[in-house]
Each structure stands twice: as structure tokens, then as C-alpha cells.
């Protein structure tokens, strides 16, 4: 499998980091996890357009992870020669979110349908809400030789939230989203080749005298947390993404060194369009 870090940013805008989004390509199946700001620009840079994405999977409904779902829906609709609803998977609440999003797009839908006579249908999404399979080892989807498992994560007070595990031809990838260490995360990460985790640096955040910034300390994994999770789970490669605060140029080795103190596997500090393979 091929994992492309489409966007590695956080809610704080950065010129070199799009919003959170990860592309996992498993054989001929293209899966996008989360859709932060600029995701379609990064998707194009990775050589893909929305009509060829098989499923959009949301870890949670925080705005930085969903900002460009509307762009995804609209562009897939406008670029598809036939009706092509976007399959969307996410935690409970996703269907209501999509319903409100489509209502917000009503004006644009009307304009485009009035102008393009061959666009004879409205955009649509086939939404599946879930927390996990019927049993912990049961996939929530099994298509084209690809198994996707899900488990609850812990990003409270944002709830519910989920992470995913993708399995294909012996390769495994865990997409955690925003979460503290928890049982569901441990289950998803067990023995995976690639574990993608959003992370923060508490030592840097604590030096910022802004309460709203310091509030993030209690519901994200630190670099140390991610490294310990990776070590306990027997992960091969840990990918640190969504770093808060964004690393200053020249400080990347600090982040890697913090992780290496707790995990002796490969550690990657993500940048937009970086690729990791299983």
C-alpha cells in the first residue's frame, strides 16, 4: 500500500501545510481520510481527482478535518460524466453533517444545473455511520481485497471519534486522527506497518501564554504518547502528522529525537505529499 500525506497541518494556517488529509492507495482502491483545507489541490498533486476516490472516511467532525468536504462533493459532482455519489464513512453525526453541507450548497447546485444541461442530477453522498464492526476483528468494509476496520478513539469533548485500520495483501496502515492513547487506538495499531498519528509538543505549547492554545493539551497525543503507542503495538513506521505547533525549519530532528527515545522503529515527521509504503 502507498500512503500519501496530502495535508499535514493543523487549525493554524501554514503556507506549506494543507489541512489534515491522508490518501491510502490499496491496489486499485483509493481511500481519503479526512478533508482539511486544500485537500483537492494536494490530491491533484498526487495525481488523482475526486471522481476516482472510492471512499472518504472521516475520523471526526472538527472543522480542520472537514473544511473541504464541500469542495470534495462539489468537484466530484461537476467532474463526473454520470451520477457518482461520494461514499462517506464517519462517526455518528456524519449524516446530519452531510445533510447540512448539501443544504449549504443549494445555491451553487442551482447555478450549475441551470448552466449545464447535461448535469441532470444533484450531488449526493452515500453515508455510513459507525464506531466499529460487530466484533473487534470484523471489518466495517471488505471490498476488492481491502479490509477496513474501525474503533472508537478518545478526543473528548469531541465525541464520538474513530480511527481506522486498512489491510491489503499483507500490508497494514492505521489512521488515528486526533486522539489520546486509548484501547481502540491500541487495537487499530497492533502490528501495523504504518501508523499515522496527529501529535503535539506539550513543552512548546506550555510556553505559549494563550489559554485557547493550551486547551489542546488535554485531548491530543504528544510525540511521546505516539511513540509509546507505536512501541507497545509493535509498529514498523510511525508517521507524526498535524504537528502543533508546526516545526520551525531546522528543528525537525528535535521531534524525531523525542519519538526515538520511546520507539526504536522508523519515525517520519510528515510534510505535505510525503509518501510512505507498506
Protein backbone atom coordinates (compact mmCIF):
# COMPACT_ATOMS: atom_id res chain seq x y z
CA UNK A 1 0.00 0.00 0.00
CA UNK A 2 1.00 3.57 -0.63
CA UNK A 3 0.29 6.28 1.96
CA UNK A 4 0.45 9.90 0.79
CA UNK A 5 0.25 12.65 3.39
CA UNK A 6 -1.95 15.07 1.47
CA UNK A 7 -2.23 17.61 4.26
CA UNK A 8 -0.23 17.69 7.48
CA UNK A 9 -1.36 20.97 9.02
CA UNK A 10 -3.45 21.98 12.00
CA UNK A 11 -6.19 24.59 12.52
CA UNK A 12 -3.45 27.26 12.48
CA UNK A 13 -2.87 28.16 8.81
CA UNK A 14 0.62 27.44 7.48
CA UNK A 15 1.91 28.27 3.98
CA UNK A 16 3.44 24.82 3.47
CA UNK A 17 0.87 22.61 5.18
CA UNK A 18 -2.63 21.91 3.92
CA UNK A 19 -5.30 20.74 6.35
CA UNK A 20 -5.39 17.17 7.65
CA UNK A 21 -5.92 14.57 4.92
CA UNK A 22 -4.28 11.24 4.07
CA UNK A 23 -4.54 9.18 0.89
CA UNK A 24 -4.18 5.40 1.17
CA UNK A 25 -3.94 3.51 -2.11
CA UNK A 26 -4.50 -0.21 -1.72
CA UNK A 27 -4.21 -1.88 -5.09
CA UNK A 28 -6.73 -0.09 -7.30
CA UNK A 29 -8.67 1.33 -4.32
CA UNK A 30 -8.19 4.99 -3.40
CA UNK A 31 -9.20 5.97 0.13
CA UNK A 32 -9.03 9.51 1.54
CA UNK A 33 -9.09 10.03 5.31
CA UNK A 34 -10.33 13.47 6.41
CA UNK A 35 -10.62 16.52 4.16
CA UNK A 36 -8.96 19.59 5.60
CA UNK A 37 -8.27 22.84 3.78
CA UNK A 38 -6.61 22.46 0.38
CA UNK A 39 -7.13 18.70 0.13
CA UNK A 40 -8.12 18.74 -3.55
CA UNK A 41 -5.05 20.73 -4.54
CA UNK A 42 -2.86 18.17 -2.79
CA UNK A 43 -4.91 15.31 -4.27
CA UNK A 44 -4.26 16.74 -7.75
CA UNK A 45 -0.55 16.97 -6.95
CA UNK A 46 -0.68 13.27 -6.04
CA UNK A 47 -2.15 12.54 -9.48
CA UNK A 48 -5.77 11.93 -8.51
CA UNK A 49 -9.11 13.69 -8.92
CA UNK A 50 -12.27 13.28 -6.81
CA UNK A 51 -14.28 11.05 -9.20
CA UNK A 52 -11.66 8.33 -8.76
CA UNK A 53 -11.73 8.27 -4.96
CA UNK A 54 -13.58 5.19 -3.74
CA UNK A 55 -14.39 6.41 -0.25
CA UNK A 56 -13.94 9.43 2.02
CA UNK A 57 -13.52 8.41 5.66
CA UNK A 58 -13.81 10.96 8.45
CA UNK A 59 -12.23 10.44 11.85
CA UNK A 60 -14.33 13.18 13.45
CA UNK A 61 -16.21 16.37 12.62
CA UNK A 62 -13.81 19.06 13.84
CA UNK A 63 -13.69 21.82 11.23
CA UNK A 64 -9.99 21.48 10.42
CA UNK A 65 -10.63 17.87 9.35
CA UNK A 66 -13.79 18.62 7.34
CA UNK A 67 -13.33 22.11 5.88
CA UNK A 68 -13.08 20.88 2.29
CA UNK A 69 -15.68 18.11 2.29
CA UNK A 70 -17.88 20.59 0.42
CA UNK A 71 -15.17 21.05 -2.25
CA UNK A 72 -14.83 17.26 -2.49
CA UNK A 73 -18.57 16.80 -3.00
CA UNK A 74 -19.00 19.66 -5.48
CA UNK A 75 -15.94 18.87 -7.58
CA UNK A 76 -16.70 15.15 -7.76
CA UNK A 77 -20.24 16.01 -8.90
CA UNK A 78 -19.16 18.55 -11.51
CA UNK A 79 -16.37 16.35 -12.91
CA UNK A 80 -18.31 13.08 -13.16
CA UNK A 81 -19.91 12.22 -16.53
CA UNK A 82 -22.62 10.17 -14.80
CA UNK A 83 -24.22 10.23 -11.37
CA UNK A 84 -21.48 9.33 -8.92
CA UNK A 85 -22.40 9.80 -5.23
CA UNK A 86 -19.47 10.09 -2.85
CA UNK A 87 -19.28 7.23 -0.33
CA UNK A 88 -18.65 8.85 3.06
CA UNK A 89 -17.90 6.98 6.27
CA UNK A 90 -17.67 8.61 9.67
CA UNK A 91 -18.81 8.52 13.28
CA UNK A 92 -22.42 9.10 14.32
CA UNK A 93 -23.34 12.65 13.37
CA UNK A 94 -21.81 12.39 9.89
CA UNK A 95 -25.16 12.00 8.11
CA UNK A 96 -26.54 15.17 9.71
CA UNK A 97 -23.32 17.00 8.89
CA UNK A 98 -23.56 15.96 5.22
CA UNK A 99 -27.23 16.92 5.07
CA UNK A 100 -26.41 20.42 6.30
CA UNK A 101 -23.49 20.67 3.91
CA UNK A 102 -25.68 19.81 0.90
CA UNK A 103 -28.22 22.38 2.03
CA UNK A 104 -25.45 24.98 2.18
CA UNK A 105 -24.55 24.14 -1.42
CA UNK A 106 -28.11 24.64 -2.70
CA UNK A 107 -27.37 27.95 -4.45
CA UNK A 108 -24.31 26.59 -6.26
CA UNK A 109 -26.17 23.42 -7.25
CA UNK A 110 -28.93 25.53 -8.78
CA UNK A 111 -26.48 27.72 -10.70
CA UNK A 112 -24.59 24.78 -12.19
CA UNK A 113 -27.67 22.80 -13.12
CA UNK A 114 -29.15 25.85 -14.82
CA UNK A 115 -25.96 26.34 -16.85
CA UNK A 116 -25.02 22.73 -17.67
CA UNK A 117 -27.87 20.92 -19.37
CA UNK A 118 -26.05 17.57 -19.18
CA UNK A 119 -25.76 17.84 -15.38
CA UNK A 120 -29.12 16.29 -14.69
CA UNK A 121 -28.68 15.27 -11.07
CA UNK A 122 -27.79 16.80 -7.73
CA UNK A 123 -24.59 15.90 -5.87
CA UNK A 124 -25.02 13.15 -3.36
CA UNK A 125 -23.26 11.20 -0.65
CA UNK A 126 -23.82 7.62 0.44
CA UNK A 127 -23.18 7.98 4.16
CA UNK A 128 -22.36 5.18 6.57
CA UNK A 129 -22.08 5.99 10.25
CA UNK A 130 -20.22 3.64 12.57
CA UNK A 131 -17.96 3.25 15.56
CA UNK A 132 -16.62 -0.25 14.93
CA UNK A 133 -17.59 -3.61 13.44
CA UNK A 134 -19.90 -6.13 15.17
CA UNK A 135 -16.79 -7.66 16.73
CA UNK A 136 -13.37 -6.03 17.21
CA UNK A 137 -11.75 -8.02 14.38
CA UNK A 138 -14.63 -7.63 11.95
CA UNK A 139 -14.10 -5.22 9.06
CA UNK A 140 -16.58 -2.43 8.51
CA UNK A 141 -15.86 -2.76 4.78
CA UNK A 142 -14.33 -5.53 2.71
CA UNK A 143 -14.10 -4.63 -0.97
CA UNK A 144 -11.67 -5.50 -3.78
CA UNK A 145 -9.37 -7.35 -1.40
CA UNK A 146 -9.23 -4.40 1.01
CA UNK A 147 -10.38 -4.68 4.61
CA UNK A 148 -11.15 -1.57 6.66
CA UNK A 149 -11.56 -1.85 10.42
CA UNK A 150 -12.66 0.92 12.78
CA UNK A 151 -12.52 1.54 16.51
CA UNK A 152 -13.55 4.35 18.87
CA UNK A 153 -10.86 6.83 19.86
CA UNK A 154 -10.66 9.46 22.60
CA UNK A 155 -10.76 13.13 21.59
CA UNK A 156 -13.27 14.23 24.23
CA UNK A 157 -15.12 16.55 24.48
CA UNK A 158 -15.27 15.91 20.72
CA UNK A 159 -17.27 12.68 20.58
CA UNK A 160 -17.71 10.25 19.07
CA UNK A 161 -14.45 9.90 17.16
CA UNK A 162 -12.98 6.93 15.33
CA UNK A 163 -9.76 5.65 13.82
CA UNK A 164 -9.26 3.21 11.00
CA UNK A 165 -7.07 0.28 10.02
CA UNK A 166 -6.59 -0.69 6.36
CA UNK A 167 -5.42 -4.16 5.39
CA UNK A 168 -4.43 -5.28 1.88
CA UNK A 169 -2.25 -8.14 0.67
CA UNK A 170 -0.39 -8.38 3.96
CA UNK A 171 0.14 -4.64 4.34
CA UNK A 172 -1.44 -2.68 7.19
CA UNK A 173 -1.98 1.02 7.87
CA UNK A 174 -3.55 2.71 10.92
CA UNK A 175 -5.06 6.20 10.61
CA UNK A 176 -5.61 7.55 14.11
CA UNK A 177 -6.90 11.10 13.69
CA UNK A 178 -6.95 13.28 16.80
CA UNK A 179 -6.89 11.13 19.91
CA UNK A 180 -5.26 10.39 23.22
CA UNK A 181 -3.86 6.89 23.77
CA UNK A 182 -6.79 4.51 24.31
CA UNK A 183 -7.85 0.90 23.91
CA UNK A 184 -9.37 1.45 20.47
CA UNK A 185 -6.17 3.03 19.20
CA UNK A 186 -4.08 0.16 20.55
CA UNK A 187 -6.31 -2.31 18.72
CA UNK A 188 -6.01 -0.48 15.41
CA UNK A 189 -2.24 -0.15 15.65
CA UNK A 190 -1.38 -3.73 16.65
CA UNK A 191 1.45 -4.87 14.42
CA UNK A 192 0.81 -2.38 11.61
CA UNK A 193 3.37 -1.37 9.03
CA UNK A 194 2.44 2.32 9.12
CA UNK A 195 0.79 4.26 11.97
CA UNK A 196 -0.25 7.85 11.19
CA UNK A 197 -0.85 9.95 14.32
CA UNK A 198 -1.60 13.63 14.87
CA UNK A 199 0.74 14.99 17.54
CA UNK A 200 1.52 17.97 19.73
CA UNK A 201 4.58 19.20 21.62
CA UNK A 202 3.43 20.00 25.20
CA UNK A 203 6.80 21.52 26.06
CA UNK A 204 6.35 24.16 23.35
CA UNK A 205 2.63 24.71 23.87
CA UNK A 206 3.07 25.28 27.60
CA UNK A 207 5.38 28.20 26.82
CA UNK A 208 2.59 29.97 24.92
CA UNK A 209 0.59 32.20 27.31
CA UNK A 210 -2.69 31.70 25.47
CA UNK A 211 -5.34 29.55 27.16
CA UNK A 212 -7.07 28.64 23.93
CA UNK A 213 -3.83 27.16 22.63
CA UNK A 214 -3.08 25.39 25.89
CA UNK A 215 -6.54 23.81 25.84
CA UNK A 216 -5.31 21.39 23.15
CA UNK A 217 -3.04 19.69 25.66
CA UNK A 218 -5.77 17.52 27.15
CA UNK A 219 -7.12 15.82 24.01
CA UNK A 220 -4.22 15.15 21.64
CA UNK A 221 -1.39 12.64 21.69
CA UNK A 222 2.01 14.10 22.40
CA UNK A 223 5.00 12.92 20.39
CA UNK A 224 5.93 10.80 23.40
CA UNK A 225 2.41 9.30 23.54
CA UNK A 226 2.51 8.38 19.86
CA UNK A 227 5.94 6.82 20.22
CA UNK A 228 4.89 4.76 23.23
CA UNK A 229 1.76 3.59 21.42
CA UNK A 230 3.90 2.58 18.44
CA UNK A 231 6.36 0.69 20.64
CA UNK A 232 3.66 -1.15 22.58
CA UNK A 233 1.80 -2.08 19.38
CA UNK A 234 4.88 -3.31 17.51
CA UNK A 235 4.54 -0.76 14.72
CA UNK A 236 7.14 -0.63 11.93
CA UNK A 237 6.87 3.05 10.90
CA UNK A 238 5.42 5.91 12.96
CA UNK A 239 4.30 8.96 10.99
CA UNK A 240 3.91 12.17 13.01
CA UNK A 241 1.40 14.46 11.34
CA UNK A 242 -0.69 17.56 12.21
CA UNK A 243 2.20 18.78 14.43
CA UNK A 244 1.25 21.54 16.87
CA UNK A 245 2.99 23.90 16.78
CA UNK A 246 4.30 23.47 13.25
CA UNK A 247 8.04 22.75 13.42
CA UNK A 248 10.33 25.63 12.63
CA UNK A 249 12.81 24.83 9.84
CA UNK A 250 15.85 23.18 11.31
CA UNK A 251 14.04 21.76 14.36
CA UNK A 252 12.77 18.58 12.72
CA UNK A 253 15.41 16.43 14.42
CA UNK A 254 14.08 17.53 17.82
CA UNK A 255 10.71 15.97 17.02
CA UNK A 256 12.31 12.80 15.71
CA UNK A 257 14.61 12.57 18.74
CA UNK A 258 11.71 12.83 21.18
CA UNK A 259 9.97 9.93 19.44
CA UNK A 260 13.16 7.88 19.16
CA UNK A 261 13.58 7.98 22.94
CA UNK A 262 10.47 5.79 23.24
CA UNK A 263 10.31 3.91 19.92
CA UNK A 264 13.15 2.22 18.03
CA UNK A 265 11.35 1.81 14.70
CA UNK A 266 11.31 4.24 11.78
CA UNK A 267 9.91 7.69 12.57
CA UNK A 268 8.74 10.12 9.88
CA UNK A 269 7.86 13.76 10.57
CA UNK A 270 5.26 14.30 7.88
CA UNK A 271 5.31 17.02 5.27
CA UNK A 272 2.69 17.54 2.59
CA UNK A 273 2.85 14.96 -0.23
CA UNK A 274 5.38 12.77 1.58
CA UNK A 275 4.91 9.08 0.72
CA UNK A 276 5.32 6.04 2.96
CA UNK A 277 4.80 2.49 1.68
CA UNK A 278 3.99 -0.75 3.46
